N, C-alpha and C. Protein backbone atom coordinates (compact mmCIF):
# COMPACT_ATOMS: atom_id res chain seq x y z
N MET A 1 -8.87 77.06 -31.81
CA MET A 1 -8.23 75.76 -31.87
C MET A 1 -8.51 74.97 -30.59
N ALA A 2 -8.83 73.71 -30.75
CA ALA A 2 -9.18 72.88 -29.60
C ALA A 2 -7.95 72.51 -28.79
N LYS A 3 -8.18 72.31 -27.49
CA LYS A 3 -7.08 71.87 -26.62
C LYS A 3 -6.75 70.42 -26.93
N VAL A 4 -5.52 70.06 -26.71
CA VAL A 4 -5.09 68.69 -26.90
C VAL A 4 -5.36 67.93 -25.62
N LYS A 5 -6.09 66.83 -25.72
CA LYS A 5 -6.39 66.01 -24.54
C LYS A 5 -5.26 65.01 -24.32
N MET A 6 -4.96 64.78 -23.05
CA MET A 6 -3.95 63.79 -22.70
C MET A 6 -4.58 62.40 -22.76
N LYS A 7 -3.87 61.49 -23.37
CA LYS A 7 -4.38 60.12 -23.48
C LYS A 7 -4.02 59.31 -22.24
N THR A 8 -4.91 58.41 -21.87
CA THR A 8 -4.66 57.48 -20.78
C THR A 8 -3.67 56.43 -21.26
N ASN A 9 -2.74 56.07 -20.40
CA ASN A 9 -1.81 54.99 -20.72
C ASN A 9 -2.60 53.68 -20.69
N ARG A 10 -2.74 53.03 -21.84
CA ARG A 10 -3.62 51.87 -21.95
C ARG A 10 -3.13 50.67 -21.14
N SER A 11 -1.82 50.48 -21.04
CA SER A 11 -1.33 49.35 -20.24
C SER A 11 -1.64 49.57 -18.76
N ALA A 12 -1.58 50.81 -18.30
CA ALA A 12 -1.91 51.11 -16.91
C ALA A 12 -3.41 50.96 -16.67
N ALA A 13 -4.22 51.34 -17.65
CA ALA A 13 -5.68 51.23 -17.51
C ALA A 13 -6.12 49.78 -17.36
N LYS A 14 -5.37 48.86 -17.93
CA LYS A 14 -5.71 47.44 -17.83
C LYS A 14 -5.26 46.83 -16.50
N ARG A 15 -4.29 47.46 -15.84
CA ARG A 15 -3.72 46.90 -14.62
C ARG A 15 -4.30 47.50 -13.34
N PHE A 16 -4.87 48.70 -13.43
CA PHE A 16 -5.37 49.39 -12.25
C PHE A 16 -6.84 49.72 -12.42
N LYS A 17 -7.56 49.73 -11.30
CA LYS A 17 -8.97 50.13 -11.29
C LYS A 17 -9.14 51.18 -10.20
N ILE A 18 -10.00 52.16 -10.45
CA ILE A 18 -10.28 53.20 -9.47
C ILE A 18 -11.56 52.82 -8.72
N THR A 19 -11.48 52.81 -7.40
CA THR A 19 -12.64 52.43 -6.58
C THR A 19 -13.59 53.62 -6.45
N ALA A 20 -14.73 53.40 -5.85
CA ALA A 20 -15.74 54.45 -5.67
C ALA A 20 -15.22 55.58 -4.78
N LYS A 21 -14.36 55.24 -3.84
CA LYS A 21 -13.81 56.26 -2.94
C LYS A 21 -12.57 56.93 -3.51
N GLY A 22 -12.14 56.50 -4.69
CA GLY A 22 -11.01 57.16 -5.34
C GLY A 22 -9.67 56.49 -5.13
N LYS A 23 -9.64 55.38 -4.41
CA LYS A 23 -8.38 54.65 -4.25
C LYS A 23 -8.08 53.88 -5.54
N ILE A 24 -6.82 53.54 -5.73
CA ILE A 24 -6.44 52.79 -6.93
C ILE A 24 -6.10 51.37 -6.51
N LYS A 25 -6.80 50.41 -7.12
CA LYS A 25 -6.68 48.99 -6.78
C LYS A 25 -5.73 48.32 -7.78
N ARG A 26 -4.91 47.41 -7.30
CA ARG A 26 -3.99 46.67 -8.16
C ARG A 26 -3.94 45.22 -7.73
N TRP A 27 -3.46 44.36 -8.62
CA TRP A 27 -3.29 42.95 -8.30
C TRP A 27 -1.85 42.70 -7.90
N LYS A 28 -1.64 41.77 -7.01
CA LYS A 28 -0.29 41.45 -6.54
C LYS A 28 0.47 40.67 -7.60
N SER A 29 1.78 40.84 -7.60
CA SER A 29 2.63 40.15 -8.58
C SER A 29 3.28 38.93 -7.93
N GLY A 30 3.81 38.06 -8.76
CA GLY A 30 4.58 36.93 -8.24
C GLY A 30 3.82 35.62 -8.16
N GLY A 31 2.62 35.56 -8.70
CA GLY A 31 1.85 34.33 -8.59
C GLY A 31 1.66 33.59 -9.89
N ALA A 32 2.39 33.97 -10.93
CA ALA A 32 2.17 33.38 -12.25
C ALA A 32 2.91 32.06 -12.45
N HIS A 33 4.14 31.97 -11.96
CA HIS A 33 4.90 30.73 -12.17
C HIS A 33 5.87 30.52 -11.01
N TYR A 34 6.57 29.37 -11.01
CA TYR A 34 7.44 28.93 -9.91
C TYR A 34 6.64 28.83 -8.61
N ASN A 35 5.47 28.24 -8.70
CA ASN A 35 4.59 28.19 -7.54
C ASN A 35 4.81 26.98 -6.64
N THR A 36 5.56 25.99 -7.09
CA THR A 36 5.74 24.79 -6.27
C THR A 36 6.56 25.08 -5.02
N LYS A 37 7.46 26.03 -5.09
CA LYS A 37 8.28 26.35 -3.93
C LYS A 37 7.60 27.32 -2.96
N LYS A 38 6.49 27.91 -3.38
CA LYS A 38 5.78 28.88 -2.54
C LYS A 38 4.76 28.16 -1.66
N SER A 39 4.59 28.67 -0.46
CA SER A 39 3.64 28.06 0.47
C SER A 39 2.21 28.36 0.04
N SER A 40 1.28 27.56 0.52
CA SER A 40 -0.13 27.75 0.20
C SER A 40 -0.63 29.10 0.69
N LYS A 41 -0.17 29.50 1.87
CA LYS A 41 -0.56 30.80 2.42
C LYS A 41 -0.10 31.93 1.52
N ARG A 42 1.13 31.83 1.04
CA ARG A 42 1.69 32.88 0.17
C ARG A 42 0.93 32.97 -1.15
N LYS A 43 0.61 31.81 -1.74
CA LYS A 43 -0.13 31.79 -3.01
C LYS A 43 -1.55 32.32 -2.83
N ARG A 44 -2.17 31.99 -1.69
CA ARG A 44 -3.52 32.45 -1.40
C ARG A 44 -3.55 33.97 -1.23
N GLN A 45 -2.54 34.53 -0.58
CA GLN A 45 -2.48 35.98 -0.38
C GLN A 45 -2.18 36.71 -1.69
N LEU A 46 -1.51 36.06 -2.63
CA LEU A 46 -1.22 36.68 -3.93
C LEU A 46 -2.48 36.80 -4.79
N ARG A 47 -3.51 35.99 -4.49
CA ARG A 47 -4.75 36.07 -5.27
C ARG A 47 -5.55 37.33 -4.96
N LYS A 48 -5.34 37.89 -3.79
CA LYS A 48 -6.13 39.06 -3.36
C LYS A 48 -5.59 40.35 -3.98
N ALA A 49 -6.48 41.28 -4.20
CA ALA A 49 -6.08 42.60 -4.70
C ALA A 49 -5.65 43.47 -3.52
N THR A 50 -4.91 44.53 -3.83
CA THR A 50 -4.49 45.48 -2.81
C THR A 50 -4.51 46.87 -3.41
N TYR A 51 -4.16 47.86 -2.62
CA TYR A 51 -4.18 49.24 -3.10
C TYR A 51 -2.78 49.73 -3.39
N VAL A 52 -2.68 50.70 -4.28
CA VAL A 52 -1.39 51.30 -4.62
C VAL A 52 -0.90 52.09 -3.40
N LYS A 53 0.39 51.95 -3.08
CA LYS A 53 0.96 52.64 -1.93
C LYS A 53 1.07 54.14 -2.19
N THR A 54 1.16 54.91 -1.12
CA THR A 54 1.15 56.37 -1.24
C THR A 54 2.37 56.91 -1.99
N ASN A 55 3.52 56.22 -1.89
CA ASN A 55 4.71 56.72 -2.58
C ASN A 55 4.63 56.53 -4.10
N MET A 56 3.76 55.65 -4.59
CA MET A 56 3.59 55.43 -6.04
C MET A 56 2.30 56.03 -6.58
N LEU A 57 1.48 56.60 -5.70
CA LEU A 57 0.15 57.05 -6.07
C LEU A 57 0.15 58.12 -7.16
N LYS A 58 0.99 59.15 -7.02
CA LYS A 58 1.02 60.23 -8.00
C LYS A 58 1.48 59.74 -9.37
N HIS A 59 2.42 58.81 -9.38
CA HIS A 59 2.92 58.27 -10.64
C HIS A 59 1.83 57.51 -11.39
N VAL A 60 1.07 56.70 -10.67
CA VAL A 60 -0.02 55.92 -11.28
C VAL A 60 -1.16 56.83 -11.72
N GLN A 61 -1.47 57.84 -10.91
CA GLN A 61 -2.51 58.80 -11.27
C GLN A 61 -2.17 59.53 -12.55
N LYS A 62 -0.91 59.85 -12.73
CA LYS A 62 -0.44 60.53 -13.94
C LYS A 62 -0.65 59.65 -15.17
N LEU A 63 -0.45 58.34 -15.01
CA LEU A 63 -0.65 57.41 -16.13
C LEU A 63 -2.13 57.24 -16.46
N LEU A 64 -2.98 57.28 -15.44
CA LEU A 64 -4.41 57.04 -15.66
C LEU A 64 -5.16 58.27 -16.16
N LYS A 65 -4.69 59.44 -15.84
CA LYS A 65 -5.27 60.71 -16.32
C LYS A 65 -6.71 60.95 -15.89
N GLU A 66 -7.19 60.27 -14.87
CA GLU A 66 -8.56 60.47 -14.41
C GLU A 66 -8.61 61.37 -13.19
N PHE A 67 -7.47 61.95 -12.85
CA PHE A 67 -7.40 62.80 -11.65
C PHE A 67 -7.07 64.22 -12.04
């Protein structure tokens, strides 16, 4: 009997990307609406991607199943 493979969480797969060095890249939240009250600097920084923090890394890796 074949082993059961774990499926990747599809919503997580659309939100995170794995870099060549194995880090997990994510997009910042908070830039979709209510932008008139936010400064230009804040909105510009929200456009950039960042990496998943170490305290959330294992949780995200479990969802992605590529580790």
